Each structure stands twice: as structure tokens, then as C-alpha cells.
Amino acid sequence: MKRTLSAELPHTPPGSPVRLQGWVHRRRELSSVTFLVLRDRTGLAQVVVKDGADVPPEETTVEVVGVATANPEAPGGIEVTEPVLTPLTEPAATPPVELWRPTMNASLPTLLDHAPVTWRHPAQRAKWELAAASLRGFRGTLDAAGFTEIQTPKFVASATESGANVFQVDYFGRPAYLAQSPQFYKQQLVGVFERVYEVGPVFRAEPHDTVRHLAEYVSLDAELGFIEDHRDVLRVLREVLAGMAAAIHEHAAAAVERTGARVPVVPEEIPVVRFADALALVGAPADEPDLAPEHERALGAWALAEHGSDFLAVEGYPMAKRPFYTHPWSRDGAGASPREAEGWSNSFDLLFRGLELVTGGQRLHRPTAYDEAIRARGEDPADYAAYLQAFEHGMPPHGGFAIGLERWTARLVEAANVREVTLFPRDLNRLTP
């Protein structure tokens, strides 16, 4: 007999035989009858068990063969009667939290310590269903725009952005590092495919123990060639965000309801403010090199009040705070000299509800510009030979962005801590489970 999923049960004609498989979600014992609530990947089903029947403990995986029976009080109006229960494993141990309750009141350490079990809770699992739908939207939007999905190495020979924030590993007797981002490789592959994207882990050895930082997270990277400047990159980013929001509505509507997520309406044009003006808006000193979290929150509130937007792009960050491959400020696309090291850049950060979500911008693409930028750091361009060869053989003006998946999901559900939406977080203190 074909398996019937819980979501299919309401559409099953009464009197039909059904075969369900899943977990014992809840046992409710009344005076003359026991209700078994079975959980599978699609939802919950109610099974009516005669008094005296042996019902395995909660979280035991079981198979139930019975008859679909109409009952207006059952989920979807159909329940299963005359069941034959077959355990598919040994009786399950008592879970660390009561998974049958509508909400979990467990502390964050409890949730994380027992993540393989606590993620089973429907409301908890729904958080990742939002992330999974977002990934579908990210990929689908870029596929439709002519991008090619790539996969790049996670063992690298040198740091992408700085040597202080990388994890060093022993790579067959020589030092290597876990990749901070796929930046070097996605740029090189613009020279092959013009438009590329990657979904993958990145690693940051930053000793931050905050509600917004992780040592490993999922980065949604894109890079595209033949652009005028960073505003072209921002326009593609806008389409991607709209696609991610649409995919949530299409593929995870139940998760939205279960979590109370606020899926944003992405404006046709994301409001943009210059970095210097952003500092003035929040009352920060004009010589601040970056935005602090409290500045981001204030700017998010300003964007919502002034533009009705959950998003705000801050462009023109100081070159001193951007990686060496960042293109200096040049809205005409002509290309300014990297000697403007203390000037502005063709880069941006995108804030989502007052939190930095995306970093992006235009990159250098001329070999002479790279030579000058690397030497300005006191380094030898020869140390970057593997990276620079692509530029020596002709690269178009290009740029890209990277979205932090966990931060995106955290803002959707207004989580107080990014770890709440991370399947198995890695941070300053946590290496298991």
C-alpha cells in the first residue's frame, strides 16, 4: 500500500485504507479511547486507538495502517480509525523538551545542546523551512538571469581579506586556511561564465561572542561582469531579494504562519544613502570608518519612516575599511586610481530592518590597479599570482555581493539571536553537536 502523508489525509475519501509513517507526536489518553497524533514531514494526523492498545512513547517512529474516517474535529476533517500500529524502532527516550506543545519555552543553550531533537518541533523546523525556501528563490532568480552556479574550494592558500581572521589548518604538512569567502574564485570565474553564484559555508575566526556573529555561516554569493558600477550590482541584488521573498510565499506559507515571520515587501528601487550622509543622520562623527550596530538600527528606523522600506543601501564606504580588490569611487565607470586609499569606494552594505545583511560592490579589474593596490598594503603581487592571472588575461568590469543566510532568516522571524535559526551553530564556544 502506498504511503499517505499527513497533508494528503484530508483529501482522502472516507472509508479508504491508508498507510501512515512518522513519529508519535502526542498521546492523549481519555477514559475509553486514546488519540495518537502522528507527525511526518508534512504535518500532523490524528489516529484513534482503542482502549488497551499499546501505543509507543512519544518520538518513536511508527507505521499506522487504518481507515480514513470523517471527523469534523480532526485535523483537516479526517482521522484514522481501526489502526494497526507497528513500531519501526525501539521505544524512544523522553525528549529534552515537550515537542507536542505549540511553543517551546526552553532556553537557547537547551535548544542548541539538543539540536538534533529540538529541530523536530514544528515551530522550530519552520524557521529552517523559511531558509530553504529562500535558497530556492535565490537560485531560481539568478538561474533565470543567466547565472551559473559554481562551487569553490574551502581550503585556500592565503586569506581573502585579512590574515587575522582565518582558521589555519594542517594541509598535508603545510599551512592552509578555511576560506573566509569565495571572493577570489568567483571573480576569476566571471572571466569564464560572466555571471556566477555560489551557496556554501564560509569561515571567520573572529572572537565575537555576540547575537549576530558565527564562526561558520552560509553565504549566498553572486558575481557579475560587464557592469558600469556598484549600482548595477545593487539592482541585481534587489531582484534576488524579491525572488527570495516570493519563494517564501510560494513554498513556505505554512512556515510563515507557524513562525509569525514578516516577509518583506522589496521596493522597486531600494533607497540609497551615501556613507557620509548616513553618519550625519545618526549623529556619528564624520571621521567614523564604519557603522556601529546602533547606527544600523537607527538607519533602519529612518528608512522605514522616510521611505517605508525594510531595506536601505549605504554606499561609498571609506576605502580604508574595504578589501584591496574594492574599486574606488567612480560613478562614471572610468576607474579612479587606487592611490585614493583614504577616499570613497564603489561599495555598499545593505541593511535589512536595521542589521547589516549584505556587503557588495564593484571590484578592480585592471592588472595595473591590482599591482598598485597590493603594493600599497606593503605586500608583493607575486604572492597573489594564482589569483591575478585571470586579470592579466582580460577581465571585464565586474562586481558582486554576499548575503548571510542566517541573518536573513533571523530578521524574518525577529529572532533575538542568530543561533536560533542556525541548524548547528559554530561560534566562539560551540563545536558540538
Protein backbone atom coordinates (compact mmCIF):
# COMPACT_ATOMS: atom_id res chain seq x y z
CA MET A 1 0.00 0.00 0.00
CA LYS A 2 1.31 3.44 -0.93
CA ARG A 3 2.24 5.72 1.94
CA THR A 4 -0.22 8.51 2.76
CA LEU A 5 1.28 11.73 4.07
CA SER A 6 -0.48 13.75 6.78
CA ALA A 7 -1.12 16.61 4.36
CA GLU A 8 -2.82 14.20 1.95
CA LEU A 9 -5.15 12.71 4.56
CA PRO A 10 -7.81 15.50 4.40
CA HIS A 11 -8.16 14.80 0.64
CA THR A 12 -8.57 11.03 1.13
CA PRO A 13 -12.13 9.71 0.61
CA PRO A 14 -13.65 8.43 3.88
CA GLY A 15 -13.56 4.66 4.07
CA SER A 16 -10.30 4.39 2.14
CA PRO A 17 -7.43 2.35 3.57
CA VAL A 18 -4.38 4.43 4.45
CA ARG A 19 -0.81 3.77 5.48
CA LEU A 20 0.96 6.47 7.50
CA GLN A 21 4.56 6.59 8.71
CA GLY A 22 6.05 9.09 11.11
CA TRP A 23 6.74 9.93 14.73
CA VAL A 24 4.44 9.62 17.72
CA HIS A 25 3.95 13.32 18.31
CA ARG A 26 1.45 13.09 21.19
CA ARG A 27 -0.52 10.50 23.10
CA ARG A 28 -3.80 11.67 24.64
CA GLU A 29 -5.38 9.03 26.82
CA LEU A 30 -9.07 9.50 27.64
CA SER A 31 -11.37 7.20 29.61
CA SER A 32 -12.35 4.98 26.69
CA VAL A 33 -10.07 5.92 23.83
CA THR A 34 -6.52 7.04 23.10
CA PHE A 35 -5.71 9.62 20.45
CA LEU A 36 -2.33 9.22 18.81
CA VAL A 37 -1.11 12.29 16.92
CA LEU A 38 1.36 11.23 14.25
CA ARG A 39 3.87 13.70 12.77
CA ASP A 40 5.57 13.45 9.42
CA ARG A 41 7.33 15.94 7.20
CA THR A 42 4.05 17.46 6.02
CA GLY A 43 2.17 17.90 9.30
CA LEU A 44 0.03 16.07 11.86
CA ALA A 45 -2.55 13.30 11.61
CA GLN A 46 -4.95 12.02 14.27
CA VAL A 47 -5.24 8.29 14.90
CA VAL A 48 -7.97 6.80 17.13
CA VAL A 49 -6.67 3.85 19.15
CA LYS A 50 -8.98 1.50 21.04
CA ASP A 51 -8.61 1.39 24.80
CA GLY A 52 -5.93 -1.02 25.92
CA ALA A 53 -3.86 -0.88 22.74
CA ASP A 54 -0.14 -0.46 23.23
CA VAL A 55 0.97 2.97 21.97
CA PRO A 56 4.74 3.55 21.86
CA PRO A 57 6.16 6.59 23.68
CA GLU A 58 6.43 9.96 22.01
CA GLU A 59 9.05 10.33 19.25
CA THR A 60 9.04 6.63 18.44
CA THR A 61 8.82 6.11 14.70
CA VAL A 62 5.79 4.02 13.73
CA GLU A 63 3.73 2.80 10.83
CA VAL A 64 -0.06 3.05 11.04
CA VAL A 65 -2.36 1.15 8.71
CA GLY A 66 -6.03 2.01 9.12
CA VAL A 67 -9.15 3.56 7.61
CA ALA A 68 -9.72 7.22 6.74
CA THR A 69 -12.76 8.35 8.69
CA ALA A 70 -14.59 11.67 8.64
CA ASN A 71 -14.49 13.67 11.85
CA PRO A 72 -15.03 17.46 11.79
CA GLU A 73 -12.89 17.86 14.93
CA ALA A 74 -9.86 16.07 13.48
CA PRO A 75 -7.13 17.98 11.59
CA GLY A 76 -8.48 18.51 8.08
CA GLY A 77 -11.71 16.73 8.98
CA ILE A 78 -10.26 13.22 8.57
CA GLU A 79 -8.81 10.87 11.17
CA VAL A 80 -7.58 7.28 11.05
CA THR A 81 -9.56 4.53 12.75
CA GLU A 82 -9.15 0.75 13.12
CA PRO A 83 -5.37 1.23 13.21
CA VAL A 84 -2.69 -1.42 13.22
CA LEU A 85 0.42 0.11 14.82
CA THR A 86 3.87 -1.20 14.01
CA PRO A 87 6.90 0.38 15.74
CA LEU A 88 9.77 0.97 13.33
CA THR A 89 12.40 1.26 16.06
CA GLU A 90 12.90 0.71 19.79
CA PRO A 91 10.78 2.86 22.13
CA ALA A 92 12.12 6.41 22.02
CA ALA A 93 13.73 8.07 25.02
CA THR A 94 11.93 11.02 26.59
CA PRO A 95 12.88 14.12 24.56
CA PRO A 96 14.64 17.01 26.33
CA VAL A 97 11.67 19.29 25.62
CA GLU A 98 7.97 18.59 25.13
CA LEU A 99 7.79 18.64 21.35
CA TRP A 100 3.99 18.38 21.29
CA ARG A 101 3.47 21.77 22.89
CA PRO A 102 2.62 24.59 20.45
CA THR A 103 5.64 26.61 21.58
CA MET A 104 8.94 25.75 23.21
CA ASN A 105 9.95 27.69 26.28
CA ALA A 106 13.38 26.07 26.56
CA SER A 107 16.48 28.21 26.94
CA LEU A 108 18.75 28.74 23.94
CA PRO A 109 21.53 26.53 25.40
CA THR A 110 18.99 23.70 25.80
CA LEU A 111 17.84 24.13 22.21
CA LEU A 112 21.40 24.09 20.90
CA ASP A 113 22.69 21.27 23.11
CA HIS A 114 19.86 19.04 21.88
CA ALA A 115 19.53 20.44 18.36
CA PRO A 116 19.09 17.06 16.60
CA VAL A 117 15.90 16.62 18.62
CA THR A 118 14.66 20.17 19.23
CA TRP A 119 14.66 20.93 15.49
CA ARG A 120 11.84 18.38 15.25
CA HIS A 121 9.44 20.83 16.88
CA PRO A 122 7.13 22.13 14.11
CA ALA A 123 7.67 25.79 15.02
CA GLN A 124 11.43 25.34 15.21
CA ARG A 125 11.63 23.38 11.99
CA ALA A 126 9.59 26.08 10.25
CA LYS A 127 12.46 28.52 10.73
CA TRP A 128 14.69 26.44 8.50
CA GLU A 129 11.84 25.91 6.05
CA LEU A 130 11.92 29.70 5.57
CA ALA A 131 15.65 29.48 4.90
CA ALA A 132 15.22 26.57 2.48
CA ALA A 133 12.55 28.44 0.52
CA SER A 134 14.82 31.49 0.43
CA LEU A 135 17.56 29.36 -1.12
CA ARG A 136 15.13 28.24 -3.82
CA GLY A 137 14.32 31.86 -4.55
CA PHE A 138 18.00 32.87 -4.62
CA ARG A 139 18.92 30.12 -7.05
CA GLY A 140 15.81 30.49 -9.20
CA THR A 141 16.21 34.24 -9.64
CA LEU A 142 19.85 34.00 -10.66
CA ASP A 143 19.30 30.97 -12.89
CA ALA A 144 16.66 32.96 -14.76
CA ALA A 145 19.11 35.87 -15.12
CA GLY A 146 21.75 33.75 -16.84
CA PHE A 147 23.97 32.99 -13.85
CA THR A 148 25.89 29.71 -13.49
CA GLU A 149 26.08 28.00 -10.10
CA ILE A 150 29.64 27.21 -9.03
CA GLN A 151 31.41 25.51 -6.14
CA THR A 152 34.78 26.82 -4.99
CA PRO A 153 37.49 25.42 -2.67
CA LYS A 154 37.16 25.80 1.07
CA PHE A 155 40.86 25.04 1.63
CA VAL A 156 42.80 28.09 0.43
CA ALA A 157 46.45 29.06 0.40
CA SER A 158 46.01 32.65 1.62
CA ALA A 159 43.49 34.86 3.36
CA THR A 160 40.90 36.59 1.21
CA GLU A 161 40.51 39.76 3.23
CA SER A 162 42.87 39.69 6.22
CA GLY A 163 45.22 37.25 7.86
CA ALA A 164 43.92 37.85 11.37
CA ASN A 165 40.51 36.26 10.97
CA VAL A 166 41.24 32.91 9.31
CA PHE A 167 41.32 29.37 10.64
CA GLN A 168 44.68 27.79 9.88
CA VAL A 169 44.77 24.05 9.22
CA ASP A 170 47.46 21.49 8.54
CA TYR A 171 47.17 20.65 4.85
CA PHE A 172 49.45 17.64 4.34
CA GLY A 173 52.25 19.25 6.30
CA ARG A 174 51.88 22.81 5.05
CA PRO A 175 49.67 25.64 6.26
CA ALA A 176 46.32 26.29 4.63
CA TYR A 177 43.24 28.21 5.66
CA LEU A 178 39.49 27.77 5.69
CA ALA A 179 38.00 30.16 3.16
CA GLN A 180 36.60 33.43 4.51
CA SER A 181 34.62 33.76 1.29
CA PRO A 182 34.68 32.51 -2.30
CA GLN A 183 35.69 36.01 -3.40
CA PHE A 184 38.89 35.28 -5.34
CA TYR A 185 37.40 32.28 -7.13
CA LYS A 186 34.07 33.82 -8.04
CA GLN A 187 35.91 36.80 -9.54
CA GLN A 188 38.13 34.53 -11.60
CA LEU A 189 35.10 32.61 -12.84
CA VAL A 190 33.48 35.80 -14.09
CA GLY A 191 36.21 35.51 -16.70
CA VAL A 192 34.70 32.15 -17.69
CA PHE A 193 30.93 32.41 -17.23
CA GLU A 194 30.37 36.20 -16.87
CA ARG A 195 27.74 35.61 -14.17
CA VAL A 196 28.21 33.17 -11.30
CA TYR A 197 26.77 32.38 -7.89
CA GLU A 198 27.53 30.03 -5.03
CA VAL A 199 25.75 28.78 -1.92
CA GLY A 200 28.22 27.48 0.63
CA PRO A 201 29.85 27.78 4.05
CA VAL A 202 32.38 30.46 4.91
CA PHE A 203 34.56 30.66 7.98
CA ARG A 204 35.51 33.65 10.11
CA ALA A 205 37.88 33.25 13.07
CA GLU A 206 36.58 36.40 14.69
CA PRO A 207 36.48 36.17 18.50
CA HIS A 208 32.99 37.65 18.70
CA ASP A 209 30.50 36.23 21.16
CA THR A 210 27.52 38.30 20.05
CA VAL A 211 23.95 37.64 18.95
CA ARG A 212 24.85 38.36 15.29
CA HIS A 213 28.17 36.58 14.69
CA LEU A 214 29.01 32.97 13.82
CA ALA A 215 32.35 31.30 13.09
CA GLU A 216 30.73 29.40 10.20
CA TYR A 217 27.72 30.52 8.25
CA VAL A 218 26.04 30.07 4.88
CA SER A 219 26.96 32.72 2.35
CA LEU A 220 24.89 33.40 -0.77
CA ASP A 221 27.43 34.87 -3.19
CA ALA A 222 26.96 36.32 -6.66
CA GLU A 223 29.37 38.00 -9.08
CA LEU A 224 28.62 39.51 -12.49
CA GLY A 225 30.64 41.03 -15.29
CA PHE A 226 30.25 43.94 -17.70
CA ILE A 227 28.80 46.38 -15.20
CA GLU A 228 29.03 50.16 -15.07
CA ASP A 229 29.47 50.41 -11.31
CA HIS A 230 28.14 49.10 -7.99
CA ARG A 231 24.62 50.35 -8.67
CA ASP A 232 24.28 47.61 -11.30
CA VAL A 233 25.17 45.11 -8.58
CA LEU A 234 22.57 46.63 -6.27
CA ARG A 235 19.88 46.27 -8.94
CA VAL A 236 20.61 42.55 -9.29
CA LEU A 237 20.58 42.21 -5.50
CA ARG A 238 17.15 43.82 -5.43
CA GLU A 239 15.81 41.21 -7.85
CA VAL A 240 17.34 38.42 -5.78
CA LEU A 241 15.74 39.64 -2.56
CA ALA A 242 12.37 39.93 -4.28
CA GLY A 243 12.79 36.39 -5.59
CA MET A 244 13.64 35.08 -2.14
CA ALA A 245 10.56 36.75 -0.63
CA ALA A 246 8.32 35.40 -3.41
CA ALA A 247 9.70 31.87 -2.92
CA ILE A 248 8.84 32.00 0.78
CA HIS A 249 5.23 32.85 -0.04
CA GLU A 250 5.11 30.09 -2.67
CA HIS A 251 6.92 27.28 -0.89
CA ALA A 252 6.76 28.05 2.84
CA ALA A 253 3.41 29.68 3.51
CA ALA A 254 2.73 27.28 6.38
CA ALA A 255 6.12 28.11 7.92
CA VAL A 256 5.30 31.82 7.72
CA GLU A 257 2.09 31.20 9.64
CA ARG A 258 3.76 28.93 12.18
CA THR A 259 6.60 31.33 12.96
CA GLY A 260 4.80 34.64 12.52
CA ALA A 261 7.53 35.65 10.07
CA ARG A 262 7.23 39.07 8.47
CA VAL A 263 8.18 38.57 4.84
CA PRO A 264 9.33 41.93 3.49
CA VAL A 265 7.93 43.75 0.51
CA VAL A 266 11.01 44.59 -1.54
CA PRO A 267 10.62 48.06 -3.07
CA GLU A 268 11.05 48.51 -6.82
CA GLU A 269 14.12 50.58 -6.03
CA ILE A 270 15.99 50.17 -2.76
CA PRO A 271 16.67 53.55 -1.13
CA VAL A 272 20.33 54.53 -1.12
CA VAL A 273 22.24 56.89 1.17
CA ARG A 274 25.89 57.88 0.99
CA PHE A 275 28.05 56.69 3.90
CA ALA A 276 28.97 60.26 4.90
CA ASP A 277 25.30 61.24 4.94
CA ALA A 278 24.43 58.14 6.95
CA LEU A 279 26.90 59.20 9.65
CA ALA A 280 25.25 62.61 9.78
CA LEU A 281 21.78 61.08 10.00
CA VAL A 282 22.70 59.09 13.12
CA GLY A 283 24.80 61.85 14.69
CA ALA A 284 28.07 59.96 14.38
CA PRO A 285 31.44 61.73 13.97
CA ALA A 286 32.32 62.43 10.34
CA ASP A 287 35.60 60.52 10.64
CA GLU A 288 33.97 57.23 11.74
CA PRO A 289 35.31 54.47 9.43
CA ASP A 290 32.29 52.16 9.78
CA LEU A 291 28.74 51.91 11.10
CA ALA A 292 28.20 50.54 14.60
CA PRO A 293 25.22 48.25 15.32
CA GLU A 294 23.34 51.10 16.98
CA HIS A 295 23.89 53.20 13.84
CA GLU A 296 22.48 50.41 11.68
CA ARG A 297 19.39 50.18 13.88
CA ALA A 298 18.85 53.93 13.70
CA LEU A 299 19.24 53.92 9.92
CA GLY A 300 16.80 51.04 9.62
CA ALA A 301 14.21 53.01 11.57
CA TRP A 302 14.90 56.06 9.38
CA ALA A 303 14.47 54.06 6.15
CA LEU A 304 11.15 52.67 7.37
CA ALA A 305 9.85 56.07 8.46
CA GLU A 306 11.19 58.03 5.49
CA HIS A 307 10.83 55.52 2.65
CA GLY A 308 8.52 52.81 4.00
CA SER A 309 11.30 50.32 3.29
CA ASP A 310 12.73 47.48 5.35
CA PHE A 311 15.90 47.86 3.27
CA LEU A 312 18.49 50.60 3.00
CA ALA A 313 21.70 50.57 0.96
CA VAL A 314 24.61 52.58 2.36
CA GLU A 315 27.12 53.28 -0.41
CA GLY A 316 30.54 54.88 -0.63
CA TYR A 317 32.28 53.33 2.37
CA PRO A 318 35.82 54.54 3.05
CA MET A 319 38.42 52.66 1.01
CA ALA A 320 40.41 52.18 4.21
CA LYS A 321 37.68 49.83 5.52
CA ARG A 322 37.24 47.80 2.34
CA PRO A 323 39.33 44.91 0.94
CA PHE A 324 42.10 45.75 -1.52
CA TYR A 325 40.12 44.49 -4.53
CA THR A 326 37.40 47.14 -3.98
CA HIS A 327 37.01 49.72 -6.73
CA PRO A 328 37.44 53.36 -5.67
CA TRP A 329 34.50 55.73 -6.03
CA SER A 330 33.80 56.32 -9.71
CA ARG A 331 30.17 56.52 -10.73
CA ASP A 332 31.16 57.17 -14.37
CA GLY A 333 32.90 53.79 -14.55
CA ALA A 334 36.16 55.29 -15.82
CA GLY A 335 38.17 53.89 -12.93
CA ALA A 336 39.98 56.01 -10.37
CA SER A 337 43.45 55.22 -9.09
CA PRO A 338 43.86 53.00 -6.01
CA ARG A 339 46.05 55.80 -4.66
CA GLU A 340 42.78 57.23 -3.30
CA ALA A 341 43.23 54.84 -0.37
CA GLU A 342 41.60 57.23 2.08
CA GLY A 343 38.81 58.14 -0.32
CA TRP A 344 35.44 56.56 -1.01
CA SER A 345 34.65 53.25 -2.64
CA ASN A 346 32.18 51.86 -5.15
CA SER A 347 30.85 49.55 -2.48
CA PHE A 348 27.77 49.25 -0.30
CA ASP A 349 26.24 47.49 2.66
CA LEU A 350 22.58 46.60 2.61
CA LEU A 351 20.72 46.93 5.90
CA PHE A 352 17.64 44.80 6.48
CA ARG A 353 15.48 46.02 9.36
CA GLY A 354 18.46 47.71 10.96
CA LEU A 355 21.00 44.89 10.54
CA GLU A 356 23.80 44.56 8.01
CA LEU A 357 22.73 41.74 5.70
CA VAL A 358 24.78 42.18 2.54
CA THR A 359 28.17 43.55 1.54
CA GLY A 360 28.74 44.23 -2.13
CA GLY A 361 30.27 46.49 -4.68
CA GLN A 362 32.44 46.90 -7.74
CA ARG A 363 35.88 45.26 -7.90
CA LEU A 364 39.11 46.30 -9.53
CA HIS A 365 39.61 44.61 -12.90
CA ARG A 366 42.80 46.12 -14.38
CA PRO A 367 46.10 44.33 -13.64
CA THR A 368 47.91 47.63 -13.03
CA ALA A 369 45.30 48.65 -10.47
CA TYR A 370 45.82 45.37 -8.59
CA ASP A 371 49.56 45.77 -8.65
CA GLU A 372 49.27 49.22 -7.13
CA ALA A 373 46.63 48.23 -4.55
CA ILE A 374 48.61 45.23 -3.30
CA ARG A 375 51.86 47.15 -3.07
CA ALA A 376 50.03 49.88 -1.13
CA ARG A 377 49.35 47.20 1.50
CA GLY A 378 53.07 46.51 1.74
CA GLU A 379 52.71 43.14 0.02
CA ASP A 380 54.20 41.55 -3.07
CA PRO A 381 51.83 40.97 -6.01
CA ALA A 382 53.78 37.77 -6.70
CA ASP A 383 52.16 36.28 -3.61
CA TYR A 384 48.80 36.60 -5.38
CA ALA A 385 49.97 35.18 -8.71
CA ALA A 386 47.33 32.42 -8.86
CA TYR A 387 44.58 34.98 -8.29
CA LEU A 388 45.94 37.70 -10.56
CA GLN A 389 46.48 35.57 -13.66
CA ALA A 390 42.81 35.94 -14.58
CA PHE A 391 43.17 39.71 -14.71
CA GLU A 392 46.32 39.52 -16.80
CA HIS A 393 44.32 37.68 -19.45
CA GLY A 394 41.44 40.14 -19.66
CA MET A 395 38.65 40.70 -17.14
CA PRO A 396 35.53 42.85 -17.57
CA PRO A 397 34.40 45.48 -15.09
CA HIS A 398 32.59 43.39 -12.51
CA GLY A 399 31.17 43.29 -9.02
CA GLY A 400 29.11 41.20 -6.69
CA PHE A 401 27.58 40.69 -3.28
CA ALA A 402 27.19 38.19 -0.46
CA ILE A 403 24.07 37.59 1.66
CA GLY A 404 24.28 35.97 5.09
CA LEU A 405 21.52 33.34 5.10
CA GLU A 406 21.25 33.09 8.88
CA ARG A 407 20.96 36.84 9.33
CA TRP A 408 18.26 36.98 6.67
CA THR A 409 16.25 34.27 8.39
CA ALA A 410 16.78 35.79 11.84
CA ARG A 411 15.31 39.09 10.67
CA LEU A 412 12.33 37.31 9.09
CA VAL A 413 11.30 35.80 12.43
CA GLU A 414 12.74 38.62 14.55
CA ALA A 415 14.99 36.20 16.42
CA ALA A 416 16.96 37.76 19.24
CA ASN A 417 19.99 35.60 18.41
CA VAL A 418 21.17 34.34 15.02
CA ARG A 419 21.84 30.93 16.61
CA GLU A 420 18.08 30.40 16.92
CA VAL A 421 17.82 29.92 13.15
CA THR A 422 21.14 28.10 12.60
CA LEU A 423 20.87 24.32 12.36
CA PHE A 424 24.13 23.52 14.16
CA PRO A 425 25.84 26.82 15.03
CA ARG A 426 29.60 27.16 15.30
CA ASP A 427 30.78 30.06 17.40
CA LEU A 428 33.46 31.02 19.91
CA ASN A 429 32.30 28.37 22.39
CA ARG A 430 30.38 25.72 20.45
CA LEU A 431 31.79 22.87 18.38
CA THR A 432 29.06 20.25 19.05
CA PRO A 433 26.54 18.92 18.29
